[in-house]
């Protein structure tokens, strides 16, 4: 039996893009020449730019988010993470040089910094912004569950390993204060049982601008066993509680990771967009219902989500699920909220249909 490559597997399902003219800001993706994670493909700048242009969807801008790779190979260890900002800024400049549908790639950059360094992290935050005017904030990985150990990272010496309760630590809060002082955004990646920590953080820093990643990290397994109904009910209760914090916005996506139990990873063939909607709709709509369209943005999370779906099919899923929303609401979720949150100037041809 011939084993298919990851791309050959995705190509078993081919679809034309739905609503191809709808402007999209891909609010969360990564770019790397060599993957920092096991079982995840390389996603070079050329591959990423080809995806943006060749998917058939109208991707007018994107947000590149921390992926713990592309760091400097030399120099002081605590400064090596600055290499990612330099790398992604070059990708953005190349996209701008090419112009046309390439333009807008990596229009905003969200690298990382060790907030556990407390007030000292301010130096790194300033250096990120000096290296690129596209830097908007940072993300420090904090998602932790004993049942899902973090994969090994080549950069573990430069950044802290994920441990329980990182967001609640006093040194994290001291570092977070430096972020808020500079009016920089914070992308929070946690699992659903950690959402109370995000609420505590949002309340402790009411002027902070927090972006909750991947629908707040719904999971199946671990403490929830195989009880999908109980896990979903717990996640929905928690995500609704986070939504009460008006300084938090929600990234809707990341469901093609393995954690939520609704991806096609491991299946003989990928799901079509209609089949994917059937298993992911409840999470997507519950998230949007909790936060409202004016506080939600869609994302690809490529190439991580690429393990379970193709780029064209993924955006078809979001478009199918939102068919019942108004044009204003869809414009918010697909472009305006991300553009507003990350300070992205959309092309003149993309006229916002509703204020954010």
C-alpha atoms as a PDB file:
ATOM      1  CA  UNK A   1       0.000   0.000   0.000  1.00  0.00           C
ATOM      2  CA  UNK A   2       1.380   3.378  -1.032  1.00  0.00           C
ATOM      3  CA  UNK A   3       1.643   5.923   1.742  1.00  0.00           C
ATOM      4  CA  UNK A   4       0.439   9.350   0.689  1.00  0.00           C
ATOM      5  CA  UNK A   5       2.398  12.460   1.493  1.00  0.00           C
ATOM      6  CA  UNK A   6       0.597  15.075   3.584  1.00  0.00           C
ATOM      7  CA  UNK A   7      -0.073  17.164   0.481  1.00  0.00           C
ATOM      8  CA  UNK A   8      -1.299  14.194  -1.535  1.00  0.00           C
ATOM      9  CA  UNK A   9      -3.675  13.366   1.317  1.00  0.00           C
ATOM     10  CA  UNK A  10      -5.058  16.934   1.399  1.00  0.00           C
ATOM     11  CA  UNK A  11      -5.411  16.940  -2.375  1.00  0.00           C
ATOM     12  CA  UNK A  12      -7.815  13.994  -2.189  1.00  0.00           C
ATOM     13  CA  UNK A  13     -10.457  16.677  -1.575  1.00  0.00           C
ATOM     14  CA  UNK A  14     -10.482  19.530  -4.071  1.00  0.00           C
ATOM     15  CA  UNK A  15     -12.960  22.398  -3.845  1.00  0.00           C
ATOM     16  CA  UNK A  16     -13.450  25.725  -5.536  1.00  0.00           C
ATOM     17  CA  UNK A  17     -13.486  28.711  -3.172  1.00  0.00           C
ATOM     18  CA  UNK A  18     -16.882  29.865  -1.945  1.00  0.00           C
ATOM     19  CA  UNK A  19     -17.582  33.632  -2.097  1.00  0.00           C
ATOM     20  CA  UNK A  20     -14.127  34.245  -3.606  1.00  0.00           C
ATOM     21  CA  UNK A  21     -14.387  38.046  -3.478  1.00  0.00           C
ATOM     22  CA  UNK A  22     -15.009  38.301   0.284  1.00  0.00           C
ATOM     23  CA  UNK A  23     -11.984  40.118   1.786  1.00  0.00           C
ATOM     24  CA  UNK A  24     -10.157  38.041   4.395  1.00  0.00           C
ATOM     25  CA  UNK A  25      -7.476  38.893   6.922  1.00  0.00           C
ATOM     26  CA  UNK A  26      -5.918  35.595   7.996  1.00  0.00           C
ATOM     27  CA  UNK A  27      -5.522  36.501  11.663  1.00  0.00           C
ATOM     28  CA  UNK A  28      -3.037  33.794  12.630  1.00  0.00           C
ATOM     29  CA  UNK A  29      -0.485  31.748  10.717  1.00  0.00           C
ATOM     30  CA  UNK A  30       3.193  30.776  10.873  1.00  0.00           C
ATOM     31  CA  UNK A  31       6.091  30.643   8.422  1.00  0.00           C
ATOM     32  CA  UNK A  32       9.149  28.408   8.793  1.00  0.00           C
ATOM     33  CA  UNK A  33      11.775  26.854   6.565  1.00  0.00           C
ATOM     34  CA  UNK A  34      12.245  23.956   8.980  1.00  0.00           C
ATOM     35  CA  UNK A  35       9.417  22.987  11.310  1.00  0.00           C
ATOM     36  CA  UNK A  36      10.113  23.337  15.038  1.00  0.00           C
ATOM     37  CA  UNK A  37       7.448  20.712  15.758  1.00  0.00           C
ATOM     38  CA  UNK A  38       7.317  16.969  15.107  1.00  0.00           C
ATOM     39  CA  UNK A  39       5.021  15.811  12.303  1.00  0.00           C
ATOM     40  CA  UNK A  40       4.440  19.348  10.968  1.00  0.00           C
ATOM     41  CA  UNK A  41       5.565  20.241   7.463  1.00  0.00           C
ATOM     42  CA  UNK A  42       7.970  22.962   6.460  1.00  0.00           C
ATOM     43  CA  UNK A  43       6.120  26.100   5.405  1.00  0.00           C
ATOM     44  CA  UNK A  44       8.613  28.270   3.574  1.00  0.00           C
ATOM     45  CA  UNK A  45       7.896  31.857   2.519  1.00  0.00           C
ATOM     46  CA  UNK A  46       7.317  30.723  -1.076  1.00  0.00           C
ATOM     47  CA  UNK A  47       4.899  28.006   0.049  1.00  0.00           C
ATOM     48  CA  UNK A  48       3.037  30.436   2.283  1.00  0.00           C
ATOM     49  CA  UNK A  49       2.820  33.134  -0.401  1.00  0.00           C
ATOM     50  CA  UNK A  50       1.661  30.586  -2.968  1.00  0.00           C
ATOM     51  CA  UNK A  51      -1.078  29.525  -0.539  1.00  0.00           C
ATOM     52  CA  UNK A  52      -2.191  33.127  -0.081  1.00  0.00           C
ATOM     53  CA  UNK A  53      -2.388  33.760  -3.805  1.00  0.00           C
ATOM     54  CA  UNK A  54      -3.377  30.334  -5.083  1.00  0.00           C
ATOM     55  CA  UNK A  55      -6.183  29.358  -2.703  1.00  0.00           C
ATOM     56  CA  UNK A  56      -8.752  31.301  -4.688  1.00  0.00           C
ATOM     57  CA  UNK A  57      -9.838  33.195  -1.567  1.00  0.00           C
ATOM     58  CA  UNK A  58      -9.332  36.957  -1.334  1.00  0.00           C
ATOM     59  CA  UNK A  59      -6.663  37.052   1.383  1.00  0.00           C
ATOM     60  CA  UNK A  60      -5.954  40.786   1.623  1.00  0.00           C
ATOM     61  CA  UNK A  61      -3.675  40.638   4.681  1.00  0.00           C
ATOM     62  CA  UNK A  62      -2.269  38.187   7.218  1.00  0.00           C
ATOM     63  CA  UNK A  63      -0.917  38.134  10.776  1.00  0.00           C
ATOM     64  CA  UNK A  64       2.242  36.104  11.423  1.00  0.00           C
ATOM     65  CA  UNK A  65       2.311  34.724  14.973  1.00  0.00           C
ATOM     66  CA  UNK A  66       5.157  33.371  17.117  1.00  0.00           C
ATOM     67  CA  UNK A  67       6.301  29.875  16.244  1.00  0.00           C
ATOM     68  CA  UNK A  68       9.599  29.499  18.137  1.00  0.00           C
ATOM     69  CA  UNK A  69      11.722  29.228  15.036  1.00  0.00           C
ATOM     70  CA  UNK A  70      13.768  31.355  12.641  1.00  0.00           C
ATOM     71  CA  UNK A  71      15.814  32.605  15.596  1.00  0.00           C
ATOM     72  CA  UNK A  72      19.352  33.948  15.408  1.00  0.00           C
ATOM     73  CA  UNK A  73      22.094  31.325  15.568  1.00  0.00           C
ATOM     74  CA  UNK A  74      24.610  33.568  17.287  1.00  0.00           C
ATOM     75  CA  UNK A  75      24.807  36.356  19.814  1.00  0.00           C
ATOM     76  CA  UNK A  76      23.463  36.627  23.358  1.00  0.00           C
ATOM     77  CA  UNK A  77      20.977  33.833  23.955  1.00  0.00           C
ATOM     78  CA  UNK A  78      18.199  36.066  25.313  1.00  0.00           C
ATOM     79  CA  UNK A  79      18.343  38.161  22.111  1.00  0.00           C
ATOM     80  CA  UNK A  80      18.197  35.271  19.651  1.00  0.00           C
ATOM     81  CA  UNK A  81      14.390  35.282  19.583  1.00  0.00           C
ATOM     82  CA  UNK A  82      14.622  38.622  17.754  1.00  0.00           C
ATOM     83  CA  UNK A  83      15.583  36.639  14.668  1.00  0.00           C
ATOM     84  CA  UNK A  84      11.961  35.689  14.066  1.00  0.00           C
ATOM     85  CA  UNK A  85      10.941  39.321  13.761  1.00  0.00           C
ATOM     86  CA  UNK A  86      13.790  39.932  11.311  1.00  0.00           C
ATOM     87  CA  UNK A  87      12.824  36.840   9.294  1.00  0.00           C
ATOM     88  CA  UNK A  88       9.106  37.616   9.057  1.00  0.00           C
ATOM     89  CA  UNK A  89       9.764  41.264   8.244  1.00  0.00           C
ATOM     90  CA  UNK A  90      11.804  40.102   5.253  1.00  0.00           C
ATOM     91  CA  UNK A  91       8.901  37.898   4.149  1.00  0.00           C
ATOM     92  CA  UNK A  92       6.541  40.879   4.408  1.00  0.00           C
ATOM     93  CA  UNK A  93       8.913  43.078   2.420  1.00  0.00           C
ATOM     94  CA  UNK A  94       9.211  40.457  -0.314  1.00  0.00           C
ATOM     95  CA  UNK A  95       5.412  40.188  -0.517  1.00  0.00           C
ATOM     96  CA  UNK A  96       5.137  43.960  -0.814  1.00  0.00           C
ATOM     97  CA  UNK A  97       7.801  43.952  -3.527  1.00  0.00           C
ATOM     98  CA  UNK A  98       5.864  41.377  -5.541  1.00  0.00           C
ATOM     99  CA  UNK A  99       2.663  43.349  -5.112  1.00  0.00           C
ATOM    100  CA  UNK A 100      -0.744  42.311  -6.395  1.00  0.00           C
ATOM    101  CA  UNK A 101      -2.333  39.502  -4.401  1.00  0.00           C
ATOM    102  CA  UNK A 102       0.958  38.873  -2.617  1.00  0.00           C
ATOM    103  CA  UNK A 103       0.737  42.245  -0.878  1.00  0.00           C
ATOM    104  CA  UNK A 104      -0.482  42.273   2.705  1.00  0.00           C
ATOM    105  CA  UNK A 105       1.296  39.087   3.743  1.00  0.00           C
ATOM    106  CA  UNK A 106       2.589  39.392   7.309  1.00  0.00           C
ATOM    107  CA  UNK A 107       1.104  42.873   7.583  1.00  0.00           C
ATOM    108  CA  UNK A 108       1.252  42.403  11.364  1.00  0.00           C
ATOM    109  CA  UNK A 109       3.864  40.439  13.300  1.00  0.00           C
ATOM    110  CA  UNK A 110       3.356  38.855  16.734  1.00  0.00           C
ATOM    111  CA  UNK A 111       6.675  37.396  17.962  1.00  0.00           C
ATOM    112  CA  UNK A 112       7.418  36.161  21.467  1.00  0.00           C
ATOM    113  CA  UNK A 113       9.147  37.380  24.612  1.00  0.00           C
ATOM    114  CA  UNK A 114       9.695  35.822  28.012  1.00  0.00           C
ATOM    115  CA  UNK A 115       7.228  37.640  30.247  1.00  0.00           C
ATOM    116  CA  UNK A 116       8.587  35.648  33.191  1.00  0.00           C
ATOM    117  CA  UNK A 117      11.592  37.976  33.015  1.00  0.00           C
ATOM    118  CA  UNK A 118       9.362  40.579  34.628  1.00  0.00           C
ATOM    119  CA  UNK A 119      10.200  44.234  34.081  1.00  0.00           C
ATOM    120  CA  UNK A 120      13.402  43.272  32.240  1.00  0.00           C
ATOM    121  CA  UNK A 121      11.328  42.071  29.281  1.00  0.00           C
ATOM    122  CA  UNK A 122      10.726  45.697  28.315  1.00  0.00           C
ATOM    123  CA  UNK A 123      14.111  45.731  26.571  1.00  0.00           C
ATOM    124  CA  UNK A 124      13.100  42.857  24.296  1.00  0.00           C
ATOM    125  CA  UNK A 125       9.701  44.380  23.544  1.00  0.00           C
ATOM    126  CA  UNK A 126      11.336  47.620  22.445  1.00  0.00           C
ATOM    127  CA  UNK A 127      13.892  45.782  20.321  1.00  0.00           C
ATOM    128  CA  UNK A 128      11.169  43.825  18.513  1.00  0.00           C
ATOM    129  CA  UNK A 129       9.445  47.083  17.593  1.00  0.00           C
ATOM    130  CA  UNK A 130      12.715  48.726  16.548  1.00  0.00           C
ATOM    131  CA  UNK A 131      13.387  45.843  14.165  1.00  0.00           C
ATOM    132  CA  UNK A 132       9.977  46.085  12.468  1.00  0.00           C
ATOM    133  CA  UNK A 133       7.177  48.599  12.439  1.00  0.00           C
ATOM    134  CA  UNK A 134       4.870  45.656  11.797  1.00  0.00           C
ATOM    135  CA  UNK A 135       5.252  44.251  15.333  1.00  0.00           C
ATOM    136  CA  UNK A 136       1.998  44.643  17.253  1.00  0.00           C
ATOM    137  CA  UNK A 137       2.407  42.506  20.364  1.00  0.00           C
ATOM    138  CA  UNK A 138       3.672  39.158  21.562  1.00  0.00           C
ATOM    139  CA  UNK A 139       2.558  35.648  22.391  1.00  0.00           C
ATOM    140  CA  UNK A 140       4.083  33.469  25.087  1.00  0.00           C
ATOM    141  CA  UNK A 141       2.911  29.856  24.940  1.00  0.00           C
ATOM    142  CA  UNK A 142       1.104  28.905  28.162  1.00  0.00           C
ATOM    143  CA  UNK A 143      -1.258  26.107  27.049  1.00  0.00           C
ATOM    144  CA  UNK A 144      -0.708  23.240  29.466  1.00  0.00           C
ATOM    145  CA  UNK A 145      -2.429  19.986  30.302  1.00  0.00           C
ATOM    146  CA  UNK A 146      -0.815  16.915  31.791  1.00  0.00           C
ATOM    147  CA  UNK A 147      -2.470  14.777  29.116  1.00  0.00           C
ATOM    148  CA  UNK A 148      -0.939  16.803  26.260  1.00  0.00           C
ATOM    149  CA  UNK A 149       2.743  17.298  27.035  1.00  0.00           C
ATOM    150  CA  UNK A 150       4.355  20.100  25.108  1.00  0.00           C
ATOM    151  CA  UNK A 151       6.477  18.825  22.207  1.00  0.00           C
ATOM    152  CA  UNK A 152      10.244  19.238  22.495  1.00  0.00           C
ATOM    153  CA  UNK A 153      11.532  22.592  21.264  1.00  0.00           C
ATOM    154  CA  UNK A 154      15.005  23.383  20.020  1.00  0.00           C
ATOM    155  CA  UNK A 155      14.642  26.813  21.607  1.00  0.00           C
ATOM    156  CA  UNK A 156      13.720  25.665  25.105  1.00  0.00           C
ATOM    157  CA  UNK A 157      16.831  27.290  26.551  1.00  0.00           C
ATOM    158  CA  UNK A 158      15.735  30.715  25.306  1.00  0.00           C
ATOM    159  CA  UNK A 159      12.142  30.555  26.523  1.00  0.00           C
ATOM    160  CA  UNK A 160      10.424  28.911  29.513  1.00  0.00           C
ATOM    161  CA  UNK A 161       8.936  25.456  29.269  1.00  0.00           C
ATOM    162  CA  UNK A 162       5.170  25.445  29.695  1.00  0.00           C
ATOM    163  CA  UNK A 163       4.075  24.770  33.257  1.00  0.00           C
ATOM    164  CA  UNK A 164       0.758  25.075  35.132  1.00  0.00           C
ATOM    165  CA  UNK A 165      -0.338  28.519  36.265  1.00  0.00           C
ATOM    166  CA  UNK A 166       2.172  30.606  34.325  1.00  0.00           C
ATOM    167  CA  UNK A 167      -0.330  33.418  33.778  1.00  0.00           C
ATOM    168  CA  UNK A 168      -0.947  33.692  37.514  1.00  0.00           C
ATOM    169  CA  UNK A 169       2.707  34.140  38.476  1.00  0.00           C
ATOM    170  CA  UNK A 170       3.883  37.508  39.810  1.00  0.00           C
ATOM    171  CA  UNK A 171       6.867  37.596  37.433  1.00  0.00           C
ATOM    172  CA  UNK A 172       4.535  36.983  34.466  1.00  0.00           C
ATOM    173  CA  UNK A 173       2.314  39.831  35.635  1.00  0.00           C
ATOM    174  CA  UNK A 174       5.330  42.134  35.971  1.00  0.00           C
ATOM    175  CA  UNK A 175       6.315  41.338  32.402  1.00  0.00           C
ATOM    176  CA  UNK A 176       2.737  41.705  31.224  1.00  0.00           C
ATOM    177  CA  UNK A 177       2.636  45.191  32.748  1.00  0.00           C
ATOM    178  CA  UNK A 178       5.514  46.148  30.432  1.00  0.00           C
ATOM    179  CA  UNK A 179       3.448  44.984  27.482  1.00  0.00           C
ATOM    180  CA  UNK A 180       0.410  46.994  28.588  1.00  0.00           C
ATOM    181  CA  UNK A 181       2.562  50.053  29.228  1.00  0.00           C
ATOM    182  CA  UNK A 182       3.541  49.985  25.559  1.00  0.00           C
ATOM    183  CA  UNK A 183      -0.035  49.370  24.346  1.00  0.00           C
ATOM    184  CA  UNK A 184       1.042  46.108  22.738  1.00  0.00           C
ATOM    185  CA  UNK A 185      -1.342  43.203  22.197  1.00  0.00           C
ATOM    186  CA  UNK A 186      -1.119  39.840  23.914  1.00  0.00           C
ATOM    187  CA  UNK A 187      -2.093  36.604  22.175  1.00  0.00           C
ATOM    188  CA  UNK A 188      -3.176  34.076  24.809  1.00  0.00           C
ATOM    189  CA  UNK A 189      -2.909  30.373  23.933  1.00  0.00           C
ATOM    190  CA  UNK A 190      -4.416  28.231  26.695  1.00  0.00           C
ATOM    191  CA  UNK A 191      -6.580  25.139  27.043  1.00  0.00           C
ATOM    192  CA  UNK A 192     -10.176  25.442  28.177  1.00  0.00           C
ATOM    193  CA  UNK A 193      -9.556  24.606  31.830  1.00  0.00           C
ATOM    194  CA  UNK A 194      -7.101  27.549  31.957  1.00  0.00           C
ATOM    195  CA  UNK A 195      -9.655  30.126  30.828  1.00  0.00           C
ATOM    196  CA  UNK A 196     -10.234  31.313  34.398  1.00  0.00           C
ATOM    197  CA  UNK A 197      -6.616  32.504  34.343  1.00  0.00           C
ATOM    198  CA  UNK A 198      -7.311  34.590  31.237  1.00  0.00           C
ATOM    199  CA  UNK A 199     -10.306  36.135  32.998  1.00  0.00           C
ATOM    200  CA  UNK A 200      -8.145  36.982  36.009  1.00  0.00           C
ATOM    201  CA  UNK A 201      -5.512  38.549  33.749  1.00  0.00           C
ATOM    202  CA  UNK A 202      -8.076  40.599  31.823  1.00  0.00           C
ATOM    203  CA  UNK A 203      -9.618  41.916  35.023  1.00  0.00           C
ATOM    204  CA  UNK A 204      -6.232  42.702  36.590  1.00  0.00           C
ATOM    205  CA  UNK A 205      -5.254  44.721  33.487  1.00  0.00           C
ATOM    206  CA  UNK A 206      -8.487  46.296  32.182  1.00  0.00           C
ATOM    207  CA  UNK A 207      -6.648  48.368  29.552  1.00  0.00           C
ATOM    208  CA  UNK A 208      -4.792  45.339  28.170  1.00  0.00           C
ATOM    209  CA  UNK A 209      -5.678  44.129  24.681  1.00  0.00           C
ATOM    210  CA  UNK A 210      -5.907  40.342  24.860  1.00  0.00           C
ATOM    211  CA  UNK A 211      -6.534  38.075  21.875  1.00  0.00           C
ATOM    212  CA  UNK A 212      -7.688  34.596  22.883  1.00  0.00           C
ATOM    213  CA  UNK A 213      -6.291  32.035  20.449  1.00  0.00           C
ATOM    214  CA  UNK A 214      -7.970  29.024  18.880  1.00  0.00           C
ATOM    215  CA  UNK A 215     -11.438  29.358  20.448  1.00  0.00           C
ATOM    216  CA  UNK A 216      -9.964  29.139  23.933  1.00  0.00           C
ATOM    217  CA  UNK A 217      -8.411  25.693  23.425  1.00  0.00           C
ATOM    218  CA  UNK A 218     -11.301  23.212  23.571  1.00  0.00           C
ATOM    219  CA  UNK A 219     -10.073  19.701  24.330  1.00  0.00           C
ATOM    220  CA  UNK A 220     -11.306  16.132  24.404  1.00  0.00           C
ATOM    221  CA  UNK A 221      -9.595  13.476  26.478  1.00  0.00           C
ATOM    222  CA  UNK A 222      -7.489  13.984  29.564  1.00  0.00           C
ATOM    223  CA  UNK A 223      -9.594  15.252  32.425  1.00  0.00           C
ATOM    224  CA  UNK A 224     -12.693  15.046  30.211  1.00  0.00           C
ATOM    225  CA  UNK A 225     -12.199  11.465  29.094  1.00  0.00           C
ATOM    226  CA  UNK A 226     -14.154  10.659  25.962  1.00  0.00           C
ATOM    227  CA  UNK A 227     -17.291  12.510  27.082  1.00  0.00           C
ATOM    228  CA  UNK A 228     -17.548  14.988  24.215  1.00  0.00           C
ATOM    229  CA  UNK A 229     -20.852  16.399  25.460  1.00  0.00           C
ATOM    230  CA  UNK A 230     -19.485  17.200  28.919  1.00  0.00           C
ATOM    231  CA  UNK A 231     -16.271  18.655  27.481  1.00  0.00           C
ATOM    232  CA  UNK A 232     -18.205  20.890  25.100  1.00  0.00           C
ATOM    233  CA  UNK A 233     -20.572  22.077  27.841  1.00  0.00           C
ATOM    234  CA  UNK A 234     -17.629  22.933  30.096  1.00  0.00           C
ATOM    235  CA  UNK A 235     -15.855  24.789  27.292  1.00  0.00           C
ATOM    236  CA  UNK A 236     -18.999  26.736  26.354  1.00  0.00           C
ATOM    237  CA  UNK A 237     -19.555  27.825  29.954  1.00  0.00           C
ATOM    238  CA  UNK A 238     -15.968  28.983  30.259  1.00  0.00           C
ATOM    239  CA  UNK A 239     -15.808  30.758  26.902  1.00  0.00           C
ATOM    240  CA  UNK A 240     -18.994  32.629  27.742  1.00  0.00           C
ATOM    241  CA  UNK A 241     -17.410  33.778  31.008  1.00  0.00           C
ATOM    242  CA  UNK A 242     -14.311  35.067  29.197  1.00  0.00           C
ATOM    243  CA  UNK A 243     -16.524  36.986  26.772  1.00  0.00           C
ATOM    244  CA  UNK A 244     -17.770  39.095  29.698  1.00  0.00           C
ATOM    245  CA  UNK A 245     -14.304  40.722  29.709  1.00  0.00           C
ATOM    246  CA  UNK A 246     -14.655  43.414  27.076  1.00  0.00           C
ATOM    247  CA  UNK A 247     -10.889  43.739  26.612  1.00  0.00           C
ATOM    248  CA  UNK A 248     -10.673  40.217  25.133  1.00  0.00           C
ATOM    249  CA  UNK A 249     -11.346  39.328  21.498  1.00  0.00           C
ATOM    250  CA  UNK A 250     -11.580  35.807  20.103  1.00  0.00           C
ATOM    251  CA  UNK A 251      -9.709  34.054  17.338  1.00  0.00           C
ATOM    252  CA  UNK A 252     -12.061  31.524  15.790  1.00  0.00           C
ATOM    253  CA  UNK A 253     -10.285  28.481  14.404  1.00  0.00           C
ATOM    254  CA  UNK A 254      -7.611  26.025  15.413  1.00  0.00           C
ATOM    255  CA  UNK A 255     -10.139  23.193  15.348  1.00  0.00           C
ATOM    256  CA  UNK A 256      -7.999  21.166  12.984  1.00  0.00           C
ATOM    257  CA  UNK A 257      -5.546  20.544  15.786  1.00  0.00           C
ATOM    258  CA  UNK A 258      -5.965  17.158  17.433  1.00  0.00           C
ATOM    259  CA  UNK A 259      -7.024  18.482  20.856  1.00  0.00           C
ATOM    260  CA  UNK A 260     -10.707  19.249  20.242  1.00  0.00           C
ATOM    261  CA  UNK A 261     -11.449  15.880  18.654  1.00  0.00           C
ATOM    262  CA  UNK A 262     -13.106  17.396  15.562  1.00  0.00           C
ATOM    263  CA  UNK A 263     -10.197  17.311  13.108  1.00  0.00           C
ATOM    264  CA  UNK A 264      -9.639  14.894  10.238  1.00  0.00           C
ATOM    265  CA  UNK A 265      -6.147  13.947  11.430  1.00  0.00           C
ATOM    266  CA  UNK A 266      -5.624  10.211  11.040  1.00  0.00           C
ATOM    267  CA  UNK A 267      -8.544   9.669   8.691  1.00  0.00           C
ATOM    268  CA  UNK A 268      -8.133   7.814   5.418  1.00  0.00           C
ATOM    269  CA  UNK A 269      -9.135  10.945   3.543  1.00  0.00           C
ATOM    270  CA  UNK A 270      -9.819  14.575   4.493  1.00  0.00           C
ATOM    271  CA  UNK A 271     -13.319  15.850   5.087  1.00  0.00           C
ATOM    272  CA  UNK A 272     -15.022  18.117   2.589  1.00  0.00           C
ATOM    273  CA  UNK A 273     -16.060  21.566   3.777  1.00  0.00           C
ATOM    274  CA  UNK A 274     -19.635  20.366   4.263  1.00  0.00           C
ATOM    275  CA  UNK A 275     -18.450  17.366   6.278  1.00  0.00           C
ATOM    276  CA  UNK A 276     -16.166  19.594   8.366  1.00  0.00           C
ATOM    277  CA  UNK A 277     -18.997  22.015   9.091  1.00  0.00           C
ATOM    278  CA  UNK A 278     -21.029  19.136  10.473  1.00  0.00           C
ATOM    279  CA  UNK A 279     -18.422  18.375  13.171  1.00  0.00           C
ATOM    280  CA  UNK A 280     -17.108  21.896  13.876  1.00  0.00           C
ATOM    281  CA  UNK A 281     -20.155  24.131  13.553  1.00  0.00           C
ATOM    282  CA  UNK A 282     -21.161  23.977  17.237  1.00  0.00           C
ATOM    283  CA  UNK A 283     -17.789  25.243  18.446  1.00  0.00           C
ATOM    284  CA  UNK A 284     -17.606  28.019  15.839  1.00  0.00           C
ATOM    285  CA  UNK A 285     -21.126  29.289  16.413  1.00  0.00           C
ATOM    286  CA  UNK A 286     -20.895  29.082  20.211  1.00  0.00           C
ATOM    287  CA  UNK A 287     -17.720  31.146  20.152  1.00  0.00           C
ATOM    288  CA  UNK A 288     -19.258  33.773  17.891  1.00  0.00           C
ATOM    289  CA  UNK A 289     -22.444  33.806  19.956  1.00  0.00           C
ATOM    290  CA  UNK A 290     -20.463  34.416  23.160  1.00  0.00           C
ATOM    291  CA  UNK A 291     -18.273  37.237  21.836  1.00  0.00           C
ATOM    292  CA  UNK A 292     -20.420  38.622  19.023  1.00  0.00           C
ATOM    293  CA  UNK A 293     -19.212  39.105  15.431  1.00  0.00           C
ATOM    294  CA  UNK A 294     -17.623  42.479  16.299  1.00  0.00           C
ATOM    295  CA  UNK A 295     -15.157  40.714  18.633  1.00  0.00           C
ATOM    296  CA  UNK A 296     -14.314  37.648  16.532  1.00  0.00           C
ATOM    297  CA  UNK A 297     -11.743  37.017  13.816  1.00  0.00           C
ATOM    298  CA  UNK A 298     -11.124  33.918  11.706  1.00  0.00           C
ATOM    299  CA  UNK A 299      -7.702  32.327  11.312  1.00  0.00           C
ATOM    300  CA  UNK A 300      -6.025  29.523   9.410  1.00  0.00           C
ATOM    301  CA  UNK A 301      -3.339  28.502  11.930  1.00  0.00           C
ATOM    302  CA  UNK A 302      -1.387  27.154   8.967  1.00  0.00           C
ATOM    303  CA  UNK A 303       0.744  25.126   8.655  1.00  0.00           C
ATOM    304  CA  UNK A 304      -0.272  23.519  11.974  1.00  0.00           C
ATOM    305  CA  UNK A 305      -3.932  23.062  10.992  1.00  0.00           C
ATOM    306  CA  UNK A 306      -2.714  21.877   7.600  1.00  0.00           C
ATOM    307  CA  UNK A 307      -2.412  18.389   9.095  1.00  0.00           C
ATOM    308  CA  UNK A 308      -6.193  18.097   8.880  1.00  0.00           C
ATOM    309  CA  UNK A 309      -7.439  20.336   6.075  1.00  0.00           C
ATOM    310  CA  UNK A 310      -6.389  22.325   3.012  1.00  0.00           C
ATOM    311  CA  UNK A 311      -6.309  26.124   2.960  1.00  0.00           C
ATOM    312  CA  UNK A 312      -9.115  26.458   0.427  1.00  0.00           C
ATOM    313  CA  UNK A 313     -11.402  24.020   2.244  1.00  0.00           C
ATOM    314  CA  UNK A 314     -10.724  25.639   5.635  1.00  0.00           C
ATOM    315  CA  UNK A 315     -11.954  29.061   4.498  1.00  0.00           C
ATOM    316  CA  UNK A 316     -14.919  27.420   2.770  1.00  0.00           C
ATOM    317  CA  UNK A 317     -15.863  25.981   6.181  1.00  0.00           C
ATOM    318  CA  UNK A 318     -15.925  29.406   7.830  1.00  0.00           C
ATOM    319  CA  UNK A 319     -17.909  30.850   4.945  1.00  0.00           C
ATOM    320  CA  UNK A 320     -20.500  28.062   5.059  1.00  0.00           C
ATOM    321  CA  UNK A 321     -20.960  28.340   8.837  1.00  0.00           C
ATOM    322  CA  UNK A 322     -21.525  32.106   8.600  1.00  0.00           C
ATOM    323  CA  UNK A 323     -23.951  32.091   5.684  1.00  0.00           C
ATOM    324  CA  UNK A 324     -26.753  33.148   8.076  1.00  0.00           C
ATOM    325  CA  UNK A 325     -24.961  36.292   9.267  1.00  0.00           C
ATOM    326  CA  UNK A 326     -25.380  39.720   7.723  1.00  0.00           C
ATOM    327  CA  UNK A 327     -22.860  41.151   5.272  1.00  0.00           C
ATOM    328  CA  UNK A 328     -21.711  43.579   7.988  1.00  0.00           C
ATOM    329  CA  UNK A 329     -21.168  40.788  10.487  1.00  0.00           C
ATOM    330  CA  UNK A 330     -19.259  38.646   8.025  1.00  0.00           C
ATOM    331  CA  UNK A 331     -17.091  41.596   7.025  1.00  0.00           C
ATOM    332  CA  UNK A 332     -16.207  42.078  10.679  1.00  0.00           C
ATOM    333  CA  UNK A 333     -15.326  38.446  11.326  1.00  0.00           C
ATOM    334  CA  UNK A 334     -13.395  37.885   8.111  1.00  0.00           C
ATOM    335  CA  UNK A 335     -11.431  41.152   7.951  1.00  0.00           C
ATOM    336  CA  UNK A 336     -12.370  44.195  10.009  1.00  0.00           C
ATOM    337  CA  UNK A 337     -11.845  42.868  13.540  1.00  0.00           C
ATOM    338  CA  UNK A 338      -8.375  41.537  12.743  1.00  0.00           C
ATOM    339  CA  UNK A 339      -7.439  44.727  10.888  1.00  0.00           C
ATOM    340  CA  UNK A 340      -8.611  46.891  13.791  1.00  0.00           C
ATOM    341  CA  UNK A 341      -7.039  44.729  16.496  1.00  0.00           C
ATOM    342  CA  UNK A 342      -3.654  44.508  14.816  1.00  0.00           C
ATOM    343  CA  UNK A 343      -3.554  47.966  13.257  1.00  0.00           C
ATOM    344  CA  UNK A 344      -3.565  46.748   9.658  1.00  0.00           C
ATOM    345  CA  UNK A 345      -4.360  49.279   6.967  1.00  0.00           C
ATOM    346  CA  UNK A 346      -6.521  47.443   4.474  1.00  0.00           C
ATOM    347  CA  UNK A 347      -6.222  48.121   0.737  1.00  0.00           C
ATOM    348  CA  UNK A 348      -8.320  50.970  -0.577  1.00  0.00           C
ATOM    349  CA  UNK A 349     -10.424  48.459  -2.498  1.00  0.00           C
ATOM    350  CA  UNK A 350     -11.512  46.861   0.782  1.00  0.00           C
ATOM    351  CA  UNK A 351     -14.123  49.190   2.211  1.00  0.00           C
ATOM    352  CA  UNK A 352     -15.257  48.227   5.734  1.00  0.00           C
ATOM    353  CA  UNK A 353     -18.998  47.693   5.757  1.00  0.00           C
ATOM    354  CA  UNK A 354     -19.407  48.259   9.486  1.00  0.00           C
ATOM    355  CA  UNK A 355     -17.430  49.907  12.277  1.00  0.00           C
ATOM    356  CA  UNK A 356     -15.509  47.623  14.599  1.00  0.00           C
END
